Each structure stands twice: as structure tokens, then as C-alpha cells.
Amino acid sequence: MTSDTTQSLPWPAEALIPHRKPMRLVDQLIAFNDQGGTVEAFVPADSPLLDKDAQLDPLATAEMMAQAFAAVKGYDDYLCGQSVKQGFLVAIRKIQFLGDVFAGDCLQVTVNLVGAIAGFAVVAGEVKRDREIIARGELKLWIREDSPPESDIK
């Protein structure tokens, strides 16, 4: 990953990842460094991932971590003059759900690259509300080297 941060943040996640509402769970990239970054995620009241008590399904925090890394990687691709690459969540490891998330919560999702080889990346992630850790874990992701045609990204 590059460490060039000449582009100003925050940067809208929609410009960096293929996900669209309601399945885009992160809103903006707010911090970036050579090994990771942080995104903000606002949980809207109309999210299909909320239960009848307006509580977010805990697994959604793992998807937030994956989308956070996609935003970080997409921003890095952009800074390097490359097209944004598509990635896929392959595995979730060592996940811990430590708190509940509800509609209206604003979360900070921080991800850091642990290692990468042959198109696969291992990422450590953490989801916080203010200073409270809500979830943390490791993800394995596969990043396509070639970019699919724009019409294939939904």
C-alpha cells in the first residue's frame, strides 16, 4: 500500500467500493495510512439488517470491517493511479462481538493489513462506538487483480 496522502479526507465510500445502499454499510473513509485506515459507518433506521428492536445483526460488523478494507484498498488504488479492484470476503477468524449496535449509532471501523500473498489479504479489524469496542476480528479477503467491467459491479 502507498503512503501518499495528498488527497484530502474524508472520502465517500461509495466512490471506493462497489456496494450500494442498503448493502453498503460504511459511509466515508476518514483516515488512511500505509497499512490500513478508518471509516465511519452510520446505522440507518431503515437498514434491513436491524431486528424488531432496531438492533443490528452482529455479523454486520464483520461485513463493515470487510467494506472498510475495501474502501482503504480502493483509496490506495486511486492514489496509485489504478482502477479500484473488486474483492471478496473469504473467511472470518477470531471474531468477537463485545457490544450491541442500534439504529442511529455512528461507528468507527479501523482495519490494518496483517499480510498479503497471491491476491489474498489478512486484515485485523475493530469496530468502535466512541471509545467502546463493539467487535474485533480477522478477515481473509481475495482481491481480483483485474477489474471487472463497470456493469458487473453492483
Protein backbone atom coordinates (compact mmCIF):
# COMPACT_ATOMS: atom_id res chain seq x y z
CA MET A 1 0.00 0.00 0.00
CA THR A 2 1.15 3.52 -0.67
CA SER A 3 1.58 6.16 1.99
CA ASP A 4 0.78 9.11 -0.30
CA THR A 5 -2.00 11.04 1.42
CA THR A 6 -2.13 14.09 -0.84
CA GLN A 7 -5.87 13.66 -1.45
CA SER A 8 -7.96 15.15 1.33
CA LEU A 9 -10.13 13.03 3.58
CA PRO A 10 -12.91 12.29 4.31
CA TRP A 11 -13.68 10.47 1.07
CA PRO A 12 -17.10 8.94 0.30
CA ALA A 13 -17.05 5.14 0.50
CA GLU A 14 -19.46 4.93 -2.43
CA ALA A 15 -16.64 6.13 -4.70
CA LEU A 16 -14.29 3.41 -3.43
CA ILE A 17 -16.36 0.22 -3.11
CA PRO A 18 -18.93 -1.48 -5.35
CA HIS A 19 -21.61 -1.80 -2.65
CA ARG A 20 -24.69 0.40 -2.82
CA LYS A 21 -27.37 1.10 -0.22
CA PRO A 22 -28.85 -0.74 1.54
CA MET A 23 -25.90 -3.20 1.49
CA ARG A 24 -23.22 -0.50 1.67
CA LEU A 25 -22.65 -0.38 5.41
CA VAL A 26 -19.82 2.18 5.53
CA ASP A 27 -20.12 5.85 4.66
CA GLN A 28 -16.75 7.54 4.42
CA LEU A 29 -13.04 6.95 4.69
CA ILE A 30 -11.75 9.28 7.42
CA ALA A 31 -8.15 8.10 7.95
CA PHE A 32 -5.58 6.34 5.78
CA ASN A 33 -2.03 5.11 6.31
CA ASP A 34 0.36 2.71 4.62
CA GLN A 35 -1.17 -0.36 6.34
CA GLY A 36 -4.84 0.50 6.80
CA GLY A 37 -7.31 3.13 7.77
CA THR A 38 -10.59 4.06 9.41
CA VAL A 39 -14.09 4.53 8.05
CA GLU A 40 -17.25 5.88 9.60
CA ALA A 41 -20.46 3.90 9.44
CA PHE A 42 -23.85 5.32 10.38
CA VAL A 43 -26.56 2.72 11.08
CA PRO A 44 -29.79 4.00 9.49
CA ALA A 45 -33.19 3.19 10.97
CA ASP A 46 -34.29 1.60 7.68
CA SER A 47 -31.40 -0.90 7.48
CA PRO A 48 -32.62 -4.39 6.51
CA LEU A 49 -30.04 -5.78 8.98
CA LEU A 50 -31.91 -4.45 12.03
CA ASP A 51 -34.23 -6.64 14.08
CA LYS A 52 -37.60 -5.58 15.52
CA ASP A 53 -35.81 -3.84 18.42
CA ALA A 54 -33.65 -1.77 16.00
CA GLN A 55 -30.57 -3.83 16.91
CA LEU A 56 -28.03 -4.59 14.18
CA ASP A 57 -27.17 -8.23 13.46
CA PRO A 58 -23.68 -8.70 14.98
CA LEU A 59 -22.34 -10.31 11.79
CA ALA A 60 -22.91 -6.97 10.05
CA THR A 61 -19.90 -5.64 11.96
CA ALA A 62 -17.70 -8.23 10.21
CA GLU A 63 -19.06 -7.04 6.87
CA MET A 64 -18.31 -3.46 7.95
CA MET A 65 -14.69 -4.48 8.51
CA ALA A 66 -14.56 -6.05 5.03
CA GLN A 67 -16.08 -2.95 3.45
CA ALA A 68 -13.69 -0.74 5.44
CA PHE A 69 -10.73 -2.61 3.96
CA ALA A 70 -12.31 -2.34 0.51
CA ALA A 71 -12.52 1.44 0.98
CA VAL A 72 -8.90 1.62 2.19
CA LYS A 73 -7.69 -0.55 -0.71
CA GLY A 74 -9.82 1.40 -3.19
CA TYR A 75 -8.35 4.68 -1.96
CA ASP A 76 -4.83 3.24 -2.22
CA ASP A 77 -5.58 2.07 -5.79
CA TYR A 78 -6.86 5.57 -6.60
CA LEU A 79 -3.74 7.23 -5.19
CA CYS A 80 -1.58 4.85 -7.26
CA GLY A 81 -3.49 5.74 -10.44
CA GLN A 82 -5.03 2.27 -10.73
CA SER A 83 -8.64 1.28 -11.16
CA VAL A 84 -10.40 0.19 -7.99
CA LYS A 85 -10.28 -3.60 -7.71
CA GLN A 86 -13.09 -5.88 -6.63
CA GLY A 87 -12.61 -8.05 -3.55
CA PHE A 88 -14.41 -10.85 -1.78
CA LEU A 89 -14.69 -11.81 1.88
CA VAL A 90 -13.37 -15.38 2.11
CA ALA A 91 -13.17 -16.07 5.86
CA ILE A 92 -13.81 -14.55 9.27
CA ARG A 93 -11.47 -15.58 12.10
CA LYS A 94 -11.13 -14.80 15.78
CA ILE A 95 -14.28 -12.66 15.69
CA GLN A 96 -15.52 -11.23 18.98
CA PHE A 97 -18.81 -9.40 19.39
CA LEU A 98 -18.40 -7.27 22.51
CA GLY A 99 -21.35 -4.88 22.36
CA ASP A 100 -24.66 -4.19 20.71
CA VAL A 101 -25.24 -1.78 17.82
CA PHE A 102 -28.53 0.02 17.28
CA ALA A 103 -30.15 2.25 14.67
CA GLY A 104 -28.68 5.74 14.91
CA ASP A 105 -25.24 4.61 16.08
CA CYS A 106 -22.20 6.15 14.42
CA LEU A 107 -19.31 3.67 14.34
CA GLN A 108 -15.63 3.91 13.54
CA VAL A 109 -14.21 0.85 11.78
CA THR A 110 -10.43 0.53 11.74
CA VAL A 111 -8.63 -2.07 9.64
CA ASN A 112 -4.96 -2.93 9.27
CA LEU A 113 -3.29 -5.22 6.80
CA VAL A 114 -1.63 -8.13 8.61
CA GLY A 115 -0.26 -9.83 5.49
CA ALA A 116 -0.83 -10.41 1.80
CA ILE A 117 0.16 -13.09 -0.70
CA ALA A 118 -1.07 -14.14 -4.14
CA GLY A 119 -4.15 -11.90 -4.17
CA PHE A 120 -5.18 -12.80 -0.61
CA ALA A 121 -5.07 -10.37 2.30
CA VAL A 122 -5.40 -10.96 6.03
CA VAL A 123 -6.83 -7.95 7.82
CA ALA A 124 -7.30 -7.17 11.50
CA GLY A 125 -10.36 -5.06 12.20
CA GLU A 126 -12.05 -3.30 15.07
CA VAL A 127 -15.44 -1.60 15.31
CA LYS A 128 -15.91 1.13 17.92
CA ARG A 129 -18.66 3.42 19.08
CA ASP A 130 -16.79 6.35 20.58
CA ARG A 131 -14.12 4.52 22.61
CA GLU A 132 -16.14 1.34 23.23
CA ILE A 133 -15.00 -1.68 21.22
CA ILE A 134 -18.08 -3.32 19.71
CA ALA A 135 -16.39 -6.04 17.64
CA ARG A 136 -12.95 -7.16 16.54
CA GLY A 137 -11.51 -9.96 14.49
CA GLU A 138 -9.52 -11.04 11.46
CA LEU A 139 -10.73 -11.37 7.92
CA LYS A 140 -9.29 -13.10 4.90
CA LEU A 141 -10.10 -11.40 1.61
CA TRP A 142 -9.37 -12.16 -2.01
CA ILE A 143 -8.72 -9.18 -4.28
CA ARG A 144 -9.11 -9.57 -8.04
CA GLU A 145 -6.05 -8.40 -9.94
CA ASP A 146 -8.15 -7.44 -12.95
CA SER A 147 -11.13 -5.13 -12.67
CA PRO A 148 -14.45 -6.41 -13.98
CA PRO A 149 -16.35 -4.23 -16.42
CA GLU A 150 -18.18 -1.42 -14.61
CA SER A 151 -21.55 -3.01 -15.41
CA ASP A 152 -20.56 -6.09 -13.38
CA ILE A 153 -20.12 -4.08 -10.18
CA LYS A 154 -23.41 -3.52 -8.39
